Amino acid sequence: MDALQLQIMGPLRIRRGETELNAGPRQQRCMLAVLMAREGRPIALCDLIDLIWGPDSPASAVNIIHKYVGALRRLLEPGLPLRAPGSYLLRHSDGYRFVVGSATLDLIVFRRLVSSAKSKLAQGRPAAALEDYVDALRLCQGTAGGVLADTVAASAVLAGIDGEFFDTVVAAAELAVQQGQPGLVLAPLRLAAEMGRLNEIVHASLVTTLAAQGHQAEALATFRAIRSRLADELGIDPGPDLQNAQRRALTQAAMPEADDDVEPPEVRAAVRPAQLPPDLPMFVGRESELATLAGLVSAEQAADRTSPLVVAMAGMGGVGKSTLSVHFAHLTAGRFPDGQLYLDFQGHLGEDKSLAAGDALRSLLYGLGVASVDVPDTADTRTGLYRSLTIGKRFLVVLDNVRDAAQVRPLLPNSPQSLVLVTSRQPLVGLAALDGAYLLGVDLPDLPTSRELLKRRLTDLPRRTDVGRPETVDEIIELCGRLPLALAILAARLTARPQLSFAEVVAELRDGARRLHAFPGGRGVSDPRTAFSCSYRQLSPTAARLFRLTSVTLSPGVSLASCTSLSGRTTAETEAALAELVEMGLITEHEDGRFTSHVLVRAYADELFRETEPLPERQAAISRLLQHYLHSSFHAQVMLEPNRTPIEPPPPLPGVMPERPLTYSDAFRWFAVRREMLKEAVRVAADLGYATVSWQLALTMQQYLQWAGYYQDWEEIMRWALRAARQHHDVAGEAHALRSLAGARYSFGDNDEALRLLAEALQIYEKEGMRFEQALVHSNSHRVYSALGQHDIAVEHSRRALSLFRDLGNRRSENLSRFHQGKSLVDMRHFNEAIKVLTQVLEVNQQIGRGIEEGEIRNVIASNLAELGRIDEAVQQLELSAQASGRAGHRPNHFDALRQLTEVFMTIGDRDGARKALERACAVLGEFQGGGTDSLRADLADLALQLGHGESDEQDVGEGQENCRF
């Protein structure tokens, strides 16, 4: 196959041999252009969306990008199988990376030639360097990518390639003039002047080169044209570079003759800076981050780079970014013999107190040995001098506590062999998009590393030799949220005060309202409160208010929707404020859409919440959040049980915007994602005295928790709800909680307590005249008495339930009562009568569309068929039950179908079928909370043992037990 050739230094072109290929629609070509411009470096999916569409991206942007990727892969490799990644467009984390051979993409060839030219020039081979420069310049055919970019971000990426061309053509022109061959670069210079119509440096170089070639008239005409353009379009006069070029053209001094008698100016020996702060002697952990940094340095030094390696580390205040950067800098300093530079920008203090780029340049120039009188006055000229002093050198530059990418950009050394380590509280996305920086997130250390950090700081100092009981130390670490700054301060405090016990520290940290008081600051100590306050003071008023309100959110996290209700603002305002909080490192956004905050950050937000917000506003915020969960959960429950509407809560407060799942599947997923949040909301509502919210919210969760097998959660939230209802003398809420709690206890096999709870609930329902609820109690009682084998009593309860449901006209519940009667007939071995009742129940169930109950009905029908010896029909019913229960997400029914299926296969001697059914049952049971109840696990353990006593050997027993994890 003919070789593939890609062109980005000019209009985007793809050729295979002599054939030019169509790169597709405009947006697809734009995506390919930015990927080619960032060749070898990954681009996250969110960045690709921003590069192609900007802030107005369509909802289908991700799908469109995936479609473009597939089309480009097939274009570049026609024989590529469908969905295969190929060799060029590779998946990288949540984005893509474009990789091509060095001879395939013109930009790679250009950069290699430029690097070779600089190397030869440094070796004293100017003629050979000029040849490489000229070869490189021939590759540029115009503006990078043509006119594909529709966004500011994409324009900036492609403009960076044009900037490389401009820099190269100016350097080549200077060398060509010195070598007496200015004509070699006139063509690319004219192209550069056409591309950069207002670029004074390019035009100055063109004027000088034209004059050196003897084209004085054209040189002066070029000067007049750019001078007029600058005046007309920008309202400015030519700068010093253009003015000097004009003077040289007028005096024909573009090529000064060498004077052998003139001594070259004396160059002062360069200073080798060594500005790194001391390494931390008690540094521990960070093996993964250190390995990543070392790998980047090794890989990049082996590659053909045209710019320094920049690694931007981001993380919350106090997480240890600066410590990590300095530690790694000391480890790798030997690779950079020309010195190490260090600057602390104090970016966390805000824009007013942060070090400006111009002042930073002055400091770096001092570090490079430039006398104060020789430091240029303007930032641009300082940048030029800094780049001149760093060209071709191997420097290590650490830029600590940076606020934004604009501070960093002028400080990048003009050397591909240099390394720049940057730390910031927010990811410097602009530095990655426009300057090729690698972004490295610095997260909290794990528990073992935190233990070692605390232990080393305590035992390495003489005044304290004990490190506390392991469980106490672990509690301290978790109450500190594993934040290194907090652990370091606590260790110092424990060392300074040997009489202070670990138990006292734990007691302080447990008090949420005073948790931050355990970390004394002042006198040069940056405590967590100070670290967080620096970020807080930079927030907009809307984001600052939302930050304070987040102190009342629940520990599992919050969604955008719940934050919108919490704030009482619009979704757009809340989303913007959340983005600001994420950017400042005060909250963390997770892939599932949750937002969480560090335990100490929450403590700081809580301090501000109590100090700043008036009591009515605090109470209103809490009420809005709890009502958001209640009403959202109610809407989700309606989708799960459309024929049995749960108790509708009162209208929500103004500003509450509940979520509304639109389908059964959406509702089931909604509960699955928010289960921990809802559970915590029930507890918080109970603790704060919102009794009605507590029991109503608990009831909306019951169906999901029961069907998904979260029996422990079911019992726990109902006990909280029952406590709240009783404390506030809410008899209706008490009865509802009693009945639901009875169901949870029945699921655990505690039938006696279940009956006691049901009796208490029934007494209240009868007193309050709540007939529908009375019928539900009788239905529940039927289940319990059936489990106890007291079938006569069970039948009586089902009859009473049926009578009440008929009076109420509730067809669905009436059919459920008839199902209970059919089940009792099976239990009492009236099989022929039972099959008639159960068949009718199944028909009615399918008519009214109650798929959630289909599985249980088919399970009982199968049991009856098996007793009648109709094994094939029983197997068919159990398979249909498993399918229906699996679709509905009803794990108990799904498990019961597979358990019965195992038993049926064992009964007929089909050991292979029984083993497969048992494995399926084990898989379902593994999805229950805690792996299921003791009785369910015991059932499967018994079946596994029975399977092991047959013709197979003892290995069957072991396999069954291992698969089921008994």
Foldseek 3Di string as FASTA:
>chain_A
DAAWAFEFLAATWIDRHPRTDDLDDLLLLLLVLLLLLLAPFWDALVRSQCFRPNPPGDPCSSVVVVVSQQVNQCRVPVVDPRPDNHDAWADDDRTTHGYDDCRHYLLSLLLLLQLVLLVCVVVVNLVSSLVSLLVSLVSRDAQGNHPRGPHPLSVLSSVVSLVVSLVSLLVSCLSCLQVLRLVSRQVSLVRNCVRVVQPLSSLLSNLLSCLSVVNLVVSVVSLVSNQVVCCVPPNDGRDPSSVVSNVCSVVSVSRPDDDPVDDDDDDDDKDAFAPQDDADPLDFDPPVVLVVVVVVLVVLLVDSDQFAAEAEEAAAFLQCQSNVVSNSCVVCVVLFRSHEAEDEQQLLQDDVRGDALQVVLLVVVVSGPDDNVRQDDDSVVSLVVQQVSQEPGEYEYEYEADNEPVSCVSVGHRYHNYYYYYYYHFWRVVCCSNVVYHYHYRDADDQVRLLSSLQCLQCVDPQHNDSDDPVLNSLLCVLQLSRNLQSNQLSVVCSVPVVDDSVNLSVQSVPLLRNQVSRDDDPPRCGPLNSLVSLLVHADPLLNVLLLLCLLADQVFDALQLSQLLSLHDSVSSVVSVVSCVRSNQWPADPVRGIHGRSVSSSSSPNCNVVPPDPVSNVSSLQSNLVQLLQQLQLLLCQLPVLDRADDDDDGDRRRDHDHQDHNVSSLVVCVVCVVRLLRSLLVCLVVLVLVSNLSSLVSCLVSCQQLQVLVSNLVSLVSSLNSCVVVVPLLSNLSSLQSNLVSVVQQVNLVSSLVSLVSSLVSCVVVVVLLVNLVSLQVNLVSCVVVVVLVSSLVSLVSSLVSCVVVVSVLSNLVSLLSVLLSCVSVVVLVVSLVSLVVSLVVCVVVVPLCCQLVSLQSNLSSCVVVVVLVSSLVSLVVSLVSSVVSSRLVSNLSSLLVQLVSCVVVPNLVSNLVSLLVSLVSLCSHVVSGHPVSLVSQLVSQVVSQPDPDHNVSSVVSCVSNVD
